[in-house]
Amino acid sequence: MTKRSRKAQRSRSGTQELVIISSTDTMDEARDYETLLKNNDIPAIVKRHQDELTGVKRFVVMVPEEMVDEAHVIIESQDSYDDFYDSELDDEISEEDLEGDIFDD
């Protein structure tokens, strides 16, 4: 029977397969997702990825496979939150509100 070193055991158990959970056009948006996930204790990385079929280059956010579901919930919750407040701001300020002199005495 062969004896394995502790170092070898740690490196095998520490290897995690990363999967893509989001794809964006900009590095800024990908970094925002990465920060959001890391703030919620989910390790995430951003990589530039070229689609094999179309050749389009995009930025992808990757997380460990066992944390995919949790990562999706966090991103979807943030997107819903952003959409809600964007629509509220759109409703509150119309072009008519911006016309004319606001500072008239």
N, C-alpha and C. Protein backbone atom coordinates (compact mmCIF):
# COMPACT_ATOMS: atom_id res chain seq x y z
N MET A 1 0.85 -1.18 0.00
CA MET A 1 0.00 0.00 0.00
C MET A 1 0.89 1.23 0.00
N THR A 2 0.57 2.19 -0.88
CA THR A 2 1.38 3.40 -0.97
C THR A 2 0.89 4.43 0.03
N LYS A 3 1.84 5.16 0.52
CA LYS A 3 1.52 6.18 1.52
C LYS A 3 1.54 7.55 0.84
N ARG A 4 0.47 8.31 1.03
CA ARG A 4 0.39 9.65 0.45
C ARG A 4 0.80 10.68 1.49
N SER A 5 1.43 11.71 1.00
CA SER A 5 1.79 12.79 1.92
C SER A 5 0.57 13.65 2.21
N ARG A 6 0.60 14.35 3.32
CA ARG A 6 -0.51 15.23 3.68
C ARG A 6 -0.65 16.37 2.67
N LYS A 7 0.47 16.85 2.16
CA LYS A 7 0.44 17.93 1.18
C LYS A 7 -0.32 17.50 -0.07
N ALA A 8 -0.08 16.31 -0.55
CA ALA A 8 -0.77 15.80 -1.73
C ALA A 8 -2.26 15.66 -1.47
N GLN A 9 -2.63 15.22 -0.27
CA GLN A 9 -4.05 15.08 0.05
C GLN A 9 -4.75 16.43 0.08
N ARG A 10 -4.08 17.43 0.64
CA ARG A 10 -4.67 18.76 0.71
C ARG A 10 -4.89 19.35 -0.68
N SER A 11 -3.93 19.18 -1.57
CA SER A 11 -4.07 19.78 -2.88
C SER A 11 -5.18 19.11 -3.68
N ARG A 12 -5.38 17.82 -3.48
CA ARG A 12 -6.47 17.14 -4.18
C ARG A 12 -7.83 17.55 -3.64
N SER A 13 -7.94 17.65 -2.34
CA SER A 13 -9.23 18.01 -1.75
C SER A 13 -9.51 19.50 -1.92
N GLY A 14 -8.47 20.32 -2.09
CA GLY A 14 -8.67 21.75 -2.25
C GLY A 14 -9.01 22.16 -3.66
N THR A 15 -8.92 21.24 -4.61
CA THR A 15 -9.21 21.56 -6.00
C THR A 15 -10.72 21.63 -6.19
N GLN A 16 -11.17 22.77 -6.69
CA GLN A 16 -12.60 22.96 -6.93
C GLN A 16 -12.79 23.29 -8.40
N GLU A 17 -13.79 22.70 -9.00
CA GLU A 17 -14.09 23.01 -10.38
C GLU A 17 -14.91 24.30 -10.41
N LEU A 18 -14.47 25.24 -11.21
CA LEU A 18 -15.17 26.51 -11.35
C LEU A 18 -16.11 26.45 -12.54
N VAL A 19 -17.28 27.06 -12.37
CA VAL A 19 -18.26 27.11 -13.45
C VAL A 19 -18.69 28.55 -13.68
N ILE A 20 -19.08 28.83 -14.90
CA ILE A 20 -19.53 30.17 -15.28
C ILE A 20 -20.95 30.38 -14.79
N ILE A 21 -21.16 31.50 -14.08
CA ILE A 21 -22.52 31.81 -13.63
C ILE A 21 -23.07 33.07 -14.27
N SER A 22 -22.18 33.88 -14.88
CA SER A 22 -22.64 35.11 -15.50
C SER A 22 -21.67 35.50 -16.61
N SER A 23 -22.22 36.13 -17.63
CA SER A 23 -21.42 36.60 -18.76
C SER A 23 -21.83 38.04 -19.04
N THR A 24 -20.85 38.94 -19.14
CA THR A 24 -21.16 40.35 -19.33
C THR A 24 -20.33 40.94 -20.47
N ASP A 25 -20.76 42.10 -20.94
CA ASP A 25 -20.03 42.79 -22.01
C ASP A 25 -18.87 43.61 -21.47
N THR A 26 -18.98 44.04 -20.21
CA THR A 26 -17.95 44.93 -19.66
C THR A 26 -17.27 44.32 -18.44
N MET A 27 -16.02 44.69 -18.28
CA MET A 27 -15.25 44.25 -17.12
C MET A 27 -15.84 44.85 -15.84
N ASP A 28 -16.32 46.09 -15.91
CA ASP A 28 -16.89 46.74 -14.73
C ASP A 28 -18.08 45.96 -14.17
N GLU A 29 -18.97 45.52 -15.04
CA GLU A 29 -20.14 44.76 -14.59
C GLU A 29 -19.71 43.42 -14.00
N ALA A 30 -18.74 42.77 -14.64
CA ALA A 30 -18.24 41.49 -14.11
C ALA A 30 -17.59 41.69 -12.74
N ARG A 31 -16.82 42.77 -12.57
CA ARG A 31 -16.19 43.06 -11.28
C ARG A 31 -17.24 43.36 -10.21
N ASP A 32 -18.34 44.03 -10.61
CA ASP A 32 -19.42 44.29 -9.66
C ASP A 32 -20.00 42.98 -9.13
N TYR A 33 -20.24 42.02 -10.04
CA TYR A 33 -20.74 40.72 -9.62
C TYR A 33 -19.73 40.01 -8.73
N GLU A 34 -18.46 40.07 -9.10
CA GLU A 34 -17.42 39.43 -8.30
C GLU A 34 -17.40 40.00 -6.89
N THR A 35 -17.47 41.32 -6.77
CA THR A 35 -17.47 41.97 -5.46
C THR A 35 -18.71 41.58 -4.65
N LEU A 36 -19.86 41.58 -5.31
CA LEU A 36 -21.11 41.19 -4.65
C LEU A 36 -21.00 39.77 -4.08
N LEU A 37 -20.49 38.86 -4.86
CA LEU A 37 -20.36 37.47 -4.42
C LEU A 37 -19.35 37.35 -3.28
N LYS A 38 -18.22 38.00 -3.42
CA LYS A 38 -17.20 37.93 -2.37
C LYS A 38 -17.70 38.53 -1.06
N ASN A 39 -18.51 39.60 -1.15
CA ASN A 39 -19.09 40.20 0.05
C ASN A 39 -20.08 39.25 0.74
N ASN A 40 -20.55 38.26 -0.01
CA ASN A 40 -21.46 37.25 0.54
C ASN A 40 -20.75 35.91 0.74
N ASP A 41 -19.44 35.96 0.91
CA ASP A 41 -18.60 34.79 1.22
C ASP A 41 -18.62 33.71 0.15
N ILE A 42 -18.74 34.11 -1.11
CA ILE A 42 -18.65 33.16 -2.22
C ILE A 42 -17.41 33.53 -3.03
N PRO A 43 -16.43 32.64 -3.11
CA PRO A 43 -15.25 32.94 -3.91
C PRO A 43 -15.63 33.05 -5.38
N ALA A 44 -15.14 34.08 -6.04
CA ALA A 44 -15.47 34.31 -7.44
C ALA A 44 -14.26 34.89 -8.16
N ILE A 45 -14.17 34.57 -9.45
CA ILE A 45 -13.12 35.17 -10.27
C ILE A 45 -13.73 35.63 -11.59
N VAL A 46 -13.07 36.58 -12.22
CA VAL A 46 -13.49 37.09 -13.52
C VAL A 46 -12.42 36.71 -14.54
N LYS A 47 -12.88 36.23 -15.68
CA LYS A 47 -11.97 35.89 -16.77
C LYS A 47 -12.56 36.39 -18.08
N ARG A 48 -11.68 36.68 -19.01
CA ARG A 48 -12.12 37.02 -20.36
C ARG A 48 -12.31 35.69 -21.09
N HIS A 49 -13.44 35.56 -21.78
CA HIS A 49 -13.80 34.29 -22.41
C HIS A 49 -14.24 34.54 -23.84
N GLN A 50 -13.75 33.70 -24.75
CA GLN A 50 -14.17 33.82 -26.15
C GLN A 50 -15.08 32.65 -26.49
N ASP A 51 -16.28 32.97 -26.98
CA ASP A 51 -17.23 31.94 -27.36
C ASP A 51 -16.66 31.17 -28.55
N GLU A 52 -16.65 29.85 -28.43
CA GLU A 52 -16.07 29.01 -29.47
C GLU A 52 -16.85 29.06 -30.78
N LEU A 53 -18.17 29.22 -30.69
CA LEU A 53 -18.99 29.23 -31.90
C LEU A 53 -19.01 30.58 -32.60
N THR A 54 -19.20 31.64 -31.84
CA THR A 54 -19.35 32.97 -32.44
C THR A 54 -18.05 33.77 -32.46
N GLY A 55 -17.11 33.42 -31.60
CA GLY A 55 -15.85 34.17 -31.52
C GLY A 55 -15.97 35.46 -30.73
N VAL A 56 -17.13 35.71 -30.14
CA VAL A 56 -17.37 36.93 -29.37
C VAL A 56 -16.63 36.82 -28.03
N LYS A 57 -15.93 37.89 -27.68
CA LYS A 57 -15.22 37.93 -26.40
C LYS A 57 -16.08 38.64 -25.36
N ARG A 58 -16.22 38.00 -24.21
CA ARG A 58 -17.01 38.54 -23.11
C ARG A 58 -16.26 38.29 -21.82
N PHE A 59 -16.77 38.86 -20.75
CA PHE A 59 -16.20 38.64 -19.42
C PHE A 59 -17.13 37.70 -18.67
N VAL A 60 -16.57 36.68 -18.05
CA VAL A 60 -17.38 35.71 -17.32
C VAL A 60 -17.00 35.74 -15.85
N VAL A 61 -18.00 35.47 -15.02
CA VAL A 61 -17.81 35.36 -13.58
C VAL A 61 -17.93 33.87 -13.26
N MET A 62 -16.95 33.37 -12.53
CA MET A 62 -16.91 31.94 -12.22
C MET A 62 -16.86 31.73 -10.71
N VAL A 63 -17.56 30.67 -10.26
CA VAL A 63 -17.59 30.31 -8.84
C VAL A 63 -17.40 28.80 -8.73
N PRO A 64 -17.06 28.31 -7.52
CA PRO A 64 -16.98 26.87 -7.33
C PRO A 64 -18.32 26.21 -7.61
N GLU A 65 -18.26 25.03 -8.21
CA GLU A 65 -19.47 24.32 -8.63
C GLU A 65 -20.48 24.13 -7.50
N GLU A 66 -19.99 23.86 -6.29
CA GLU A 66 -20.92 23.60 -5.18
C GLU A 66 -21.62 24.87 -4.67
N MET A 67 -21.23 26.04 -5.18
CA MET A 67 -21.84 27.29 -4.72
C MET A 67 -22.66 27.98 -5.82
N VAL A 68 -22.90 27.29 -6.91
CA VAL A 68 -23.61 27.87 -8.05
C VAL A 68 -25.01 28.36 -7.68
N ASP A 69 -25.78 27.53 -7.00
CA ASP A 69 -27.16 27.90 -6.66
C ASP A 69 -27.20 29.15 -5.78
N GLU A 70 -26.36 29.18 -4.77
CA GLU A 70 -26.32 30.33 -3.88
C GLU A 70 -25.89 31.59 -4.63
N ALA A 71 -24.91 31.45 -5.52
CA ALA A 71 -24.43 32.59 -6.29
C ALA A 71 -25.54 33.14 -7.20
N HIS A 72 -26.30 32.25 -7.84
CA HIS A 72 -27.41 32.68 -8.69
C HIS A 72 -28.46 33.45 -7.90
N VAL A 73 -28.79 32.97 -6.70
CA VAL A 73 -29.78 33.65 -5.86
C VAL A 73 -29.30 35.05 -5.51
N ILE A 74 -28.05 35.18 -5.15
CA ILE A 74 -27.51 36.50 -4.77
C ILE A 74 -27.54 37.46 -5.95
N ILE A 75 -27.10 37.00 -7.12
CA ILE A 75 -27.08 37.87 -8.30
C ILE A 75 -28.50 38.24 -8.72
N GLU A 76 -29.41 37.28 -8.73
CA GLU A 76 -30.79 37.56 -9.12
C GLU A 76 -31.45 38.53 -8.14
N SER A 77 -31.16 38.38 -6.85
CA SER A 77 -31.72 39.29 -5.86
C SER A 77 -31.22 40.71 -6.08
N GLN A 78 -29.94 40.85 -6.36
CA GLN A 78 -29.36 42.18 -6.61
C GLN A 78 -29.94 42.78 -7.87
N ASP A 79 -30.08 41.97 -8.93
CA ASP A 79 -30.65 42.48 -10.18
C ASP A 79 -32.09 42.93 -9.99
N SER A 80 -32.87 42.17 -9.22
CA SER A 80 -34.26 42.56 -8.94
C SER A 80 -34.30 43.87 -8.15
N TYR A 81 -33.43 43.98 -7.19
CA TYR A 81 -33.32 45.20 -6.38
C TYR A 81 -32.99 46.40 -7.27
N ASP A 82 -32.00 46.24 -8.14
CA ASP A 82 -31.60 47.32 -9.05
C ASP A 82 -32.74 47.69 -9.99
N ASP A 83 -33.42 46.68 -10.56
CA ASP A 83 -34.53 46.94 -11.47
C ASP A 83 -35.65 47.70 -10.77
N PHE A 84 -35.96 47.32 -9.54
CA PHE A 84 -37.01 47.98 -8.78
C PHE A 84 -36.70 49.46 -8.59
N TYR A 85 -35.50 49.77 -8.14
CA TYR A 85 -35.16 51.16 -7.88
C TYR A 85 -34.96 51.96 -9.16
N ASP A 86 -34.51 51.32 -10.23
CA ASP A 86 -34.42 52.02 -11.51
C ASP A 86 -35.80 52.42 -12.00
N SER A 87 -36.78 51.51 -11.88
CA SER A 87 -38.14 51.83 -12.33
C SER A 87 -38.77 52.90 -11.45
N GLU A 88 -38.50 52.89 -10.16
CA GLU A 88 -39.03 53.91 -9.26
C GLU A 88 -38.46 55.29 -9.63
N LEU A 89 -37.19 55.35 -9.93
CA LEU A 89 -36.58 56.63 -10.32
C LEU A 89 -37.15 57.12 -11.64
N ASP A 90 -37.38 56.20 -12.58
CA ASP A 90 -37.96 56.58 -13.86
C ASP A 90 -39.36 57.15 -13.68
N ASP A 91 -40.12 56.59 -12.76
CA ASP A 91 -41.48 57.05 -12.51
C ASP A 91 -41.50 58.42 -11.82
N GLU A 92 -40.55 58.67 -10.94
CA GLU A 92 -40.55 59.90 -10.16
C GLU A 92 -40.10 61.12 -10.96
N ILE A 93 -39.19 60.96 -11.88
CA ILE A 93 -38.64 62.09 -12.62
C ILE A 93 -39.02 61.95 -14.08
N SER A 94 -39.83 62.87 -14.56
CA SER A 94 -40.20 62.86 -15.97
C SER A 94 -39.52 64.03 -16.66
N GLU A 95 -39.60 64.04 -17.98
CA GLU A 95 -38.99 65.14 -18.73
C GLU A 95 -39.67 66.46 -18.39
N GLU A 96 -40.97 66.42 -18.14
CA GLU A 96 -41.69 67.65 -17.79
C GLU A 96 -41.14 68.26 -16.51
N ASP A 97 -40.73 67.41 -15.57
CA ASP A 97 -40.15 67.89 -14.32
C ASP A 97 -38.84 68.62 -14.57
N LEU A 98 -38.15 68.24 -15.61
CA LEU A 98 -36.84 68.82 -15.88
C LEU A 98 -36.92 70.07 -16.75
N GLU A 99 -38.07 70.33 -17.37
CA GLU A 99 -38.23 71.51 -18.22
C GLU A 99 -38.51 72.74 -17.37
N GLY A 100 -38.10 73.88 -17.87
CA GLY A 100 -38.38 75.13 -17.18
C GLY A 100 -37.33 75.46 -16.15
N ASP A 101 -37.55 76.56 -15.51
CA ASP A 101 -36.60 77.02 -14.49
C ASP A 101 -37.01 76.49 -13.13
N ILE A 102 -36.20 75.67 -12.58
CA ILE A 102 -36.47 75.08 -11.28
C ILE A 102 -36.25 76.11 -10.18
N PHE A 103 -35.31 77.00 -10.40
CA PHE A 103 -34.91 77.92 -9.34
C PHE A 103 -35.58 79.29 -9.48
N ASP A 104 -36.74 79.37 -10.12
CA ASP A 104 -37.46 80.65 -10.22
C ASP A 104 -37.92 81.08 -8.86
N ASP A 105 -37.83 82.37 -8.63
CA ASP A 105 -38.29 82.92 -7.35
C ASP A 105 -39.74 83.29 -7.42
